Amino acid sequence: MNGCSVISLNYNFDYSQFHKPELQNKAKNTLGEFFSFVRSTFDALIETGRVLQDLYYDCLAFCPKGKKVFEEWLKSDDFGASRYIAKSAMEIYLWFNKLAPKVQNLLRQNVQNWSVSALRQLTKVSHDLVKELVRGGKKTALEVKQEGEREKENSSQLAVGNGLCSPALTQLTGNSGAIRW
């Protein structure tokens, strides 16, 4: 993040719950950084997710009931309606970090202006479909979701056609995939 925040915040959350002054300051700075990014780019979202995830791990390590404190902080009025973006940023960051570097670069080149909802839907589809979708231009969350559902339908039909189905269905169909009477 840019480290230069020109935002005035009123805090409603009891930051003493973080127990350590360093964690209290880190939480306040993280909140300020979160609100300071104006343009919603993929890189900014990934960086925001990294910072939030880092604070979450610090809470787990150094704060009694750290998970609960962090979750209450995200639910507080300090985040307001931006809570969805914060949770999404964390989820997308964790997913992104598990991707191969080539796929990460493909995403960086093609999804900078996608909505947070569409990016969140990308985390729920196969890596092959991710590559196909991002090469095809900007998508909405609904479009990504529909493609993901189509992919699941096709893979389940393929599994039945190849005899890769449940034992009960295999008994009904035999290995051919056709129901025997």
C-alpha atoms as a PDB file:
ATOM      1  CA  MET A   1       0.000   0.000   0.000  1.00  0.00           C
ATOM      2  CA  ASN A   2       1.123   3.560  -0.389  1.00  0.00           C
ATOM      3  CA  GLY A   3       1.942   4.312   3.286  1.00  0.00           C
ATOM      4  CA  CYS A   4       0.611   7.870   2.866  1.00  0.00           C
ATOM      5  CA  SER A   5      -2.958   8.106   4.063  1.00  0.00           C
ATOM      6  CA  VAL A   6      -4.910  11.361   3.954  1.00  0.00           C
ATOM      7  CA  ILE A   7      -8.047  10.019   5.513  1.00  0.00           C
ATOM      8  CA  SER A   8      -9.707  11.049   8.757  1.00  0.00           C
ATOM      9  CA  LEU A   9     -11.318   8.175  10.603  1.00  0.00           C
ATOM     10  CA  ASN A  10     -13.505   8.042  13.669  1.00  0.00           C
ATOM     11  CA  TYR A  11     -12.965   4.793  15.521  1.00  0.00           C
ATOM     12  CA  ASN A  12     -15.891   3.032  17.155  1.00  0.00           C
ATOM     13  CA  PHE A  13     -14.200  -0.294  17.830  1.00  0.00           C
ATOM     14  CA  ASP A  14     -12.487  -0.788  21.203  1.00  0.00           C
ATOM     15  CA  TYR A  15      -8.912  -1.169  19.971  1.00  0.00           C
ATOM     16  CA  SER A  16      -7.686  -2.058  23.462  1.00  0.00           C
ATOM     17  CA  GLN A  17      -8.996  -5.562  22.713  1.00  0.00           C
ATOM     18  CA  PHE A  18      -5.865  -6.042  20.588  1.00  0.00           C
ATOM     19  CA  HIS A  19      -3.987  -5.953  23.953  1.00  0.00           C
ATOM     20  CA  LYS A  20      -0.676  -4.680  22.567  1.00  0.00           C
ATOM     21  CA  PRO A  21      -0.148  -1.060  21.491  1.00  0.00           C
ATOM     22  CA  GLU A  22       1.714  -2.314  18.406  1.00  0.00           C
ATOM     23  CA  LEU A  23      -1.303  -4.405  17.358  1.00  0.00           C
ATOM     24  CA  GLN A  24      -3.688  -1.545  18.112  1.00  0.00           C
ATOM     25  CA  ASN A  25      -1.665   0.776  15.882  1.00  0.00           C
ATOM     26  CA  LYS A  26      -1.292  -1.893  13.213  1.00  0.00           C
ATOM     27  CA  ALA A  27      -5.074  -2.438  13.173  1.00  0.00           C
ATOM     28  CA  LYS A  28      -5.745   1.311  12.900  1.00  0.00           C
ATOM     29  CA  ASN A  29      -3.125   1.706  10.160  1.00  0.00           C
ATOM     30  CA  THR A  30      -4.515  -1.316   8.310  1.00  0.00           C
ATOM     31  CA  LEU A  31      -8.002   0.184   8.451  1.00  0.00           C
ATOM     32  CA  GLY A  32      -6.673   3.511   7.179  1.00  0.00           C
ATOM     33  CA  GLU A  33      -4.794   1.818   4.344  1.00  0.00           C
ATOM     34  CA  PHE A  34      -7.878  -0.188   3.509  1.00  0.00           C
ATOM     35  CA  PHE A  35      -9.925   2.948   3.021  1.00  0.00           C
ATOM     36  CA  SER A  36      -7.139   4.870   1.305  1.00  0.00           C
ATOM     37  CA  PHE A  37      -7.129   2.922  -1.903  1.00  0.00           C
ATOM     38  CA  VAL A  38      -9.451   4.789  -4.165  1.00  0.00           C
ATOM     39  CA  ARG A  39      -9.174   2.845  -7.360  1.00  0.00           C
ATOM     40  CA  SER A  40     -10.227  -0.764  -7.031  1.00  0.00           C
ATOM     41  CA  THR A  41      -7.549  -2.614  -8.949  1.00  0.00           C
ATOM     42  CA  PHE A  42      -6.658  -6.242  -8.638  1.00  0.00           C
ATOM     43  CA  ASP A  43      -3.162  -5.464  -7.365  1.00  0.00           C
ATOM     44  CA  ALA A  44      -4.562  -3.152  -4.691  1.00  0.00           C
ATOM     45  CA  LEU A  45      -7.053  -5.821  -3.676  1.00  0.00           C
ATOM     46  CA  ILE A  46      -4.293  -8.444  -3.400  1.00  0.00           C
ATOM     47  CA  GLU A  47      -2.149  -6.094  -1.322  1.00  0.00           C
ATOM     48  CA  THR A  48      -5.104  -5.247   0.911  1.00  0.00           C
ATOM     49  CA  GLY A  49      -5.799  -8.949   1.387  1.00  0.00           C
ATOM     50  CA  ARG A  50      -2.137  -9.527   2.292  1.00  0.00           C
ATOM     51  CA  VAL A  51      -2.156  -6.749   4.904  1.00  0.00           C
ATOM     52  CA  LEU A  52      -5.437  -7.933   6.428  1.00  0.00           C
ATOM     53  CA  GLN A  53      -4.265 -11.560   6.464  1.00  0.00           C
ATOM     54  CA  ASP A  54      -0.979 -10.493   8.097  1.00  0.00           C
ATOM     55  CA  LEU A  55      -2.881  -8.675  10.846  1.00  0.00           C
ATOM     56  CA  TYR A  56      -5.128 -11.734  11.292  1.00  0.00           C
ATOM     57  CA  TYR A  57      -2.077 -13.970  11.818  1.00  0.00           C
ATOM     58  CA  ASP A  58      -0.605 -11.461  14.283  1.00  0.00           C
ATOM     59  CA  CYS A  59      -3.881 -11.460  16.207  1.00  0.00           C
ATOM     60  CA  LEU A  60      -3.812 -15.255  16.374  1.00  0.00           C
ATOM     61  CA  ALA A  61      -0.219 -15.218  17.592  1.00  0.00           C
ATOM     62  CA  PHE A  62      -0.225 -12.328  20.055  1.00  0.00           C
ATOM     63  CA  CYS A  63      -3.770 -11.590  21.163  1.00  0.00           C
ATOM     64  CA  PRO A  64      -5.903 -13.598  23.584  1.00  0.00           C
ATOM     65  CA  LYS A  65      -8.947 -14.719  21.605  1.00  0.00           C
ATOM     66  CA  GLY A  66      -7.244 -13.258  18.527  1.00  0.00           C
ATOM     67  CA  LYS A  67      -9.605 -14.850  16.009  1.00  0.00           C
ATOM     68  CA  LYS A  68     -12.644 -13.476  17.825  1.00  0.00           C
ATOM     69  CA  VAL A  69     -11.132  -9.994  18.183  1.00  0.00           C
ATOM     70  CA  PHE A  70     -10.230  -9.880  14.488  1.00  0.00           C
ATOM     71  CA  GLU A  71     -13.702 -11.058  13.427  1.00  0.00           C
ATOM     72  CA  GLU A  72     -15.380  -8.527  15.716  1.00  0.00           C
ATOM     73  CA  TRP A  73     -13.142  -5.809  14.274  1.00  0.00           C
ATOM     74  CA  LEU A  74     -14.221  -6.725  10.738  1.00  0.00           C
ATOM     75  CA  LYS A  75     -17.875  -6.712  11.857  1.00  0.00           C
ATOM     76  CA  SER A  76     -17.526  -3.346  13.586  1.00  0.00           C
ATOM     77  CA  ASP A  77     -18.939  -0.082  12.300  1.00  0.00           C
ATOM     78  CA  ASP A  78     -15.361   0.951  11.550  1.00  0.00           C
ATOM     79  CA  PHE A  79     -15.574  -1.167   8.390  1.00  0.00           C
ATOM     80  CA  GLY A  80     -19.236  -0.565   7.669  1.00  0.00           C
ATOM     81  CA  ALA A  81     -20.338  -1.673   4.224  1.00  0.00           C
ATOM     82  CA  SER A  82     -16.716  -2.332   3.192  1.00  0.00           C
ATOM     83  CA  ARG A  83     -16.677  -5.526   5.252  1.00  0.00           C
ATOM     84  CA  TYR A  84     -17.509  -7.584   2.138  1.00  0.00           C
ATOM     85  CA  ILE A  85     -14.516  -6.155   0.291  1.00  0.00           C
ATOM     86  CA  ALA A  86     -12.198  -6.829   3.236  1.00  0.00           C
ATOM     87  CA  LYS A  87     -13.285 -10.464   3.543  1.00  0.00           C
ATOM     88  CA  SER A  88     -13.126 -10.888  -0.220  1.00  0.00           C
ATOM     89  CA  ALA A  89      -9.642  -9.374  -0.352  1.00  0.00           C
ATOM     90  CA  MET A  90      -8.419 -11.904   2.190  1.00  0.00           C
ATOM     91  CA  GLU A  91     -10.042 -14.811   0.354  1.00  0.00           C
ATOM     92  CA  ILE A  92      -8.733 -13.700  -3.050  1.00  0.00           C
ATOM     93  CA  TYR A  93      -5.236 -13.095  -1.653  1.00  0.00           C
ATOM     94  CA  LEU A  94      -5.025 -16.619  -0.172  1.00  0.00           C
ATOM     95  CA  TRP A  95      -6.270 -18.144  -3.448  1.00  0.00           C
ATOM     96  CA  PHE A  96      -3.957 -16.013  -5.584  1.00  0.00           C
ATOM     97  CA  ASN A  97      -0.892 -17.028  -3.560  1.00  0.00           C
ATOM     98  CA  LYS A  98      -1.535 -20.704  -4.354  1.00  0.00           C
ATOM     99  CA  LEU A  99      -1.586 -20.129  -8.119  1.00  0.00           C
ATOM    100  CA  ALA A 100       1.349 -20.781 -10.413  1.00  0.00           C
ATOM    101  CA  PRO A 101       3.339 -17.622 -11.249  1.00  0.00           C
ATOM    102  CA  LYS A 102       2.252 -17.792 -14.919  1.00  0.00           C
ATOM    103  CA  VAL A 103      -1.422 -17.768 -13.886  1.00  0.00           C
ATOM    104  CA  GLN A 104      -0.735 -14.922 -11.425  1.00  0.00           C
ATOM    105  CA  ASN A 105       0.797 -12.870 -14.252  1.00  0.00           C
ATOM    106  CA  LEU A 106      -2.137 -13.691 -16.542  1.00  0.00           C
ATOM    107  CA  LEU A 107      -4.533 -12.420 -13.877  1.00  0.00           C
ATOM    108  CA  ARG A 108      -2.517  -9.254 -13.288  1.00  0.00           C
ATOM    109  CA  GLN A 109      -2.602  -8.512 -17.009  1.00  0.00           C
ATOM    110  CA  ASN A 110      -6.311  -9.145 -17.512  1.00  0.00           C
ATOM    111  CA  VAL A 111      -8.455  -8.500 -14.418  1.00  0.00           C
ATOM    112  CA  GLN A 112      -7.342  -5.113 -13.064  1.00  0.00           C
ATOM    113  CA  ASN A 113     -10.817  -3.636 -13.544  1.00  0.00           C
ATOM    114  CA  TRP A 114     -13.004  -6.625 -12.713  1.00  0.00           C
ATOM    115  CA  SER A 115     -15.464  -6.298  -9.852  1.00  0.00           C
ATOM    116  CA  VAL A 116     -14.616  -7.795  -6.464  1.00  0.00           C
ATOM    117  CA  SER A 117     -17.622 -10.131  -6.842  1.00  0.00           C
ATOM    118  CA  ALA A 118     -16.359 -11.450 -10.190  1.00  0.00           C
ATOM    119  CA  LEU A 119     -12.878 -11.975  -8.748  1.00  0.00           C
ATOM    120  CA  ARG A 120     -14.354 -13.830  -5.783  1.00  0.00           C
ATOM    121  CA  GLN A 121     -16.221 -16.117  -8.193  1.00  0.00           C
ATOM    122  CA  LEU A 122     -12.919 -16.899  -9.948  1.00  0.00           C
ATOM    123  CA  THR A 123     -11.689 -18.510  -6.715  1.00  0.00           C
ATOM    124  CA  LYS A 124     -14.432 -21.135  -7.087  1.00  0.00           C
ATOM    125  CA  VAL A 125     -13.586 -22.445 -10.575  1.00  0.00           C
ATOM    126  CA  SER A 126     -10.794 -24.628 -11.931  1.00  0.00           C
ATOM    127  CA  HIS A 127      -7.457 -23.140 -12.914  1.00  0.00           C
ATOM    128  CA  ASP A 128      -8.115 -24.073 -16.545  1.00  0.00           C
ATOM    129  CA  LEU A 129     -11.402 -22.177 -16.524  1.00  0.00           C
ATOM    130  CA  VAL A 130      -9.716 -19.213 -14.814  1.00  0.00           C
ATOM    131  CA  LYS A 131      -7.244 -19.007 -17.697  1.00  0.00           C
ATOM    132  CA  GLU A 132     -10.013 -19.296 -20.280  1.00  0.00           C
ATOM    133  CA  LEU A 133     -12.220 -16.680 -18.637  1.00  0.00           C
ATOM    134  CA  VAL A 134      -9.560 -14.038 -18.079  1.00  0.00           C
ATOM    135  CA  ARG A 135      -8.274 -14.370 -21.636  1.00  0.00           C
ATOM    136  CA  GLY A 136     -11.824 -13.726 -22.878  1.00  0.00           C
ATOM    137  CA  GLY A 137     -12.125 -10.198 -21.494  1.00  0.00           C
ATOM    138  CA  LYS A 138     -13.919  -8.615 -18.577  1.00  0.00           C
ATOM    139  CA  LYS A 139     -16.604 -10.781 -16.954  1.00  0.00           C
ATOM    140  CA  THR A 140     -19.322 -10.124 -14.410  1.00  0.00           C
ATOM    141  CA  ALA A 141     -19.744 -12.204 -11.276  1.00  0.00           C
ATOM    142  CA  LEU A 142     -22.821 -13.823 -12.808  1.00  0.00           C
ATOM    143  CA  GLU A 143     -20.937 -14.766 -15.977  1.00  0.00           C
ATOM    144  CA  VAL A 144     -18.104 -16.364 -13.983  1.00  0.00           C
ATOM    145  CA  LYS A 145     -20.585 -18.199 -11.774  1.00  0.00           C
ATOM    146  CA  GLN A 146     -22.549 -19.516 -14.757  1.00  0.00           C
ATOM    147  CA  GLU A 147     -19.361 -20.717 -16.474  1.00  0.00           C
ATOM    148  CA  GLY A 148     -18.327 -22.446 -13.250  1.00  0.00           C
ATOM    149  CA  GLU A 149     -21.703 -24.191 -12.996  1.00  0.00           C
ATOM    150  CA  ARG A 150     -21.458 -25.224 -16.653  1.00  0.00           C
ATOM    151  CA  GLU A 151     -17.994 -26.631 -15.984  1.00  0.00           C
ATOM    152  CA  LYS A 152     -19.290 -28.663 -13.026  1.00  0.00           C
ATOM    153  CA  GLU A 153     -22.205 -30.012 -15.075  1.00  0.00           C
ATOM    154  CA  ASN A 154     -19.886 -31.028 -17.910  1.00  0.00           C
ATOM    155  CA  SER A 155     -17.419 -32.732 -15.586  1.00  0.00           C
ATOM    156  CA  SER A 156     -20.180 -34.657 -13.782  1.00  0.00           C
ATOM    157  CA  GLN A 157     -21.674 -35.768 -17.125  1.00  0.00           C
ATOM    158  CA  LEU A 158     -18.229 -36.834 -18.263  1.00  0.00           C
ATOM    159  CA  ALA A 159     -17.717 -38.802 -15.042  1.00  0.00           C
ATOM    160  CA  VAL A 160     -21.004 -40.691 -15.541  1.00  0.00           C
ATOM    161  CA  GLY A 161     -20.187 -41.327 -19.197  1.00  0.00           C
ATOM    162  CA  ASN A 162     -16.800 -42.758 -18.256  1.00  0.00           C
ATOM    163  CA  GLY A 163     -18.238 -45.020 -15.580  1.00  0.00           C
ATOM    164  CA  LEU A 164     -16.854 -42.788 -12.831  1.00  0.00           C
ATOM    165  CA  CYS A 165     -20.118 -42.604 -10.956  1.00  0.00           C
ATOM    166  CA  SER A 166     -21.458 -43.817  -7.648  1.00  0.00           C
ATOM    167  CA  PRO A 167     -21.729 -47.594  -7.013  1.00  0.00           C
ATOM    168  CA  ALA A 168     -25.543 -47.366  -6.864  1.00  0.00           C
ATOM    169  CA  LEU A 169     -25.711 -45.638 -10.248  1.00  0.00           C
ATOM    170  CA  THR A 170     -23.184 -48.078 -11.699  1.00  0.00           C
ATOM    171  CA  GLN A 171     -25.445 -50.968 -10.640  1.00  0.00           C
ATOM    172  CA  LEU A 172     -28.394 -49.340 -12.408  1.00  0.00           C
ATOM    173  CA  THR A 173     -26.486 -48.460 -15.528  1.00  0.00           C
ATOM    174  CA  GLY A 174     -23.795 -51.115 -15.789  1.00  0.00           C
ATOM    175  CA  ASN A 175     -20.522 -49.833 -17.201  1.00  0.00           C
ATOM    176  CA  SER A 176     -22.196 -48.452 -20.320  1.00  0.00           C
ATOM    177  CA  GLY A 177     -23.833 -45.505 -18.568  1.00  0.00           C
ATOM    178  CA  ALA A 178     -27.283 -46.564 -19.860  1.00  0.00           C
ATOM    179  CA  ILE A 179     -29.931 -47.671 -17.381  1.00  0.00           C
ATOM    180  CA  ARG A 180     -30.703 -51.362 -17.672  1.00  0.00           C
ATOM    181  CA  TRP A 181     -34.222 -52.563 -16.907  1.00  0.00           C
END
